[in-house]
Structures are given as structure tokens and as C-alpha cells.
Amino acid sequence: MRNKALRGKEFPQKKVLSLVLCVAVMLSVMVMGAGAVFSDPDKIENTEAVDACSALNIIGGYPDGSYKPEGNIKRSEICKMICVAL
């Protein structure tokens, strides 16, 4: 009996939660532009993707400040990127 009465009503907590989640997603999109600056930006073809992954700390470049897009990715590097992305 109680379930039927509550089925048609939406609780304000759900609305507040959905609003908070929308704001969080919007803020995370705004942070995307704050990616790392690499020492070899002229070699990077997909700058938007690199900036997004860098802002999310999925990639970080090499200790010398370069990105090295022409190099091969090691297993350990791809494992780190997958784990951070998940």
C-alpha cells in the first residue's frame, strides 16, 4: 500500500542530488583547459585530447617536461593510464 502511494512522488533529495551532479560535471569540464605545458607542443597532433588527459592526471609526460608523442608506450605506462582513468 505504501509503495503505491510513494511511486508517483519524487523526493526533493533526488532533485538536489541531480543538481549537484550536474554542477560537478560542468565544473570538471571547465577544468579541462588547465592541462600541462609540455616542452614539445609542436609534435602533438591531438592537443585537446592531450590537454584533457593531462588535466585528469591520466598522463603526465616525462621528467624532462616532454610528451614524446612519437615514442612507444610501455606496458607499465598504459597500465597506469588505464588505472587512473578508471
Protein backbone atom coordinates (compact mmCIF):
# COMPACT_ATOMS: atom_id res chain seq x y z
CA MET A 1 0.00 0.00 0.00
CA ARG A 2 2.75 2.45 0.95
CA ASN A 3 4.80 1.68 -2.18
CA LYS A 4 1.89 2.61 -4.44
CA ALA A 5 1.48 5.94 -2.68
CA LEU A 6 5.16 6.81 -2.99
CA ARG A 7 5.60 5.59 -6.55
CA GLY A 8 4.22 8.74 -8.20
CA LYS A 9 6.07 11.21 -5.97
CA GLU A 10 9.63 12.32 -6.50
CA PHE A 11 11.58 13.22 -3.40
CA PRO A 12 13.42 16.57 -3.25
CA GLN A 13 16.63 14.71 -2.35
CA LYS A 14 16.73 13.26 -5.85
CA LYS A 15 16.40 16.71 -7.38
CA VAL A 16 19.14 18.10 -5.16
CA LEU A 17 21.42 15.15 -5.94
CA SER A 18 20.88 15.52 -9.68
CA LEU A 19 21.59 19.26 -9.45
CA VAL A 20 24.81 18.63 -7.51
CA LEU A 21 25.93 16.02 -10.04
CA CYS A 22 25.22 18.39 -12.94
CA VAL A 23 27.26 21.14 -11.31
CA ALA A 24 30.13 18.71 -10.63
CA VAL A 25 30.18 17.59 -14.27
CA MET A 26 30.12 21.18 -15.51
CA LEU A 27 33.00 22.15 -13.23
CA SER A 28 35.06 19.16 -14.34
CA VAL A 29 34.59 20.19 -17.97
CA MET A 30 35.78 23.73 -17.18
CA VAL A 31 38.98 22.38 -15.63
CA MET A 32 39.86 20.57 -18.86
CA GLY A 33 41.61 23.63 -20.28
CA ALA A 34 44.17 23.63 -17.48
CA GLY A 35 46.41 20.93 -18.92
CA ALA A 36 50.16 20.66 -18.56
CA VAL A 37 52.50 22.54 -20.86
CA PHE A 38 54.97 20.18 -22.48
CA SER A 39 58.33 21.17 -23.92
CA ASP A 40 57.48 19.69 -27.34
CA PRO A 41 53.98 21.06 -28.19
CA ASP A 42 54.73 21.30 -31.92
CA LYS A 43 54.90 17.49 -32.16
CA ILE A 44 51.49 16.91 -30.51
CA GLU A 45 48.69 16.38 -33.06
CA ASN A 46 45.66 15.94 -30.77
CA THR A 47 46.23 18.80 -28.36
CA GLU A 48 42.67 18.77 -26.96
CA ALA A 49 42.89 15.09 -26.02
CA VAL A 50 46.35 15.53 -24.52
CA ASP A 51 45.19 18.56 -22.52
CA ALA A 52 42.14 16.67 -21.24
CA CYS A 53 44.15 13.61 -20.20
CA SER A 54 46.78 15.81 -18.62
CA ALA A 55 44.16 17.77 -16.64
CA LEU A 56 42.72 14.48 -15.35
CA ASN A 57 46.22 13.27 -14.39
CA ILE A 58 45.94 10.31 -16.77
CA ILE A 59 49.16 11.39 -18.46
CA GLY A 60 51.94 13.49 -17.05
CA GLY A 61 54.74 13.46 -19.56
CA TYR A 62 58.35 12.61 -18.86
CA PRO A 63 60.61 14.03 -16.12
CA ASP A 64 62.35 16.35 -18.60
CA GLY A 65 58.99 18.06 -19.32
CA SER A 66 58.45 16.49 -22.74
CA TYR A 67 55.49 14.48 -24.01
CA LYS A 68 57.26 12.47 -26.74
CA PRO A 69 54.22 11.62 -28.90
CA GLU A 70 56.39 9.78 -31.43
CA GLY A 71 57.65 7.29 -28.82
CA ASN A 72 56.19 3.92 -27.91
CA ILE A 73 54.12 3.41 -24.75
CA LYS A 74 55.40 0.82 -22.29
CA ARG A 75 53.10 -1.70 -20.62
CA SER A 76 53.61 -0.08 -17.25
CA GLU A 77 52.65 3.32 -18.67
CA ILE A 78 49.45 2.07 -20.28
CA CYS A 79 48.52 0.18 -17.08
CA LYS A 80 48.94 3.40 -15.11
CA MET A 81 46.81 5.34 -17.60
CA ILE A 82 44.02 2.73 -17.52
CA CYS A 83 44.01 2.55 -13.72
CA VAL A 84 43.87 6.33 -13.33
CA ALA A 85 41.17 6.64 -15.97
CA LEU A 86 39.02 4.08 -14.20
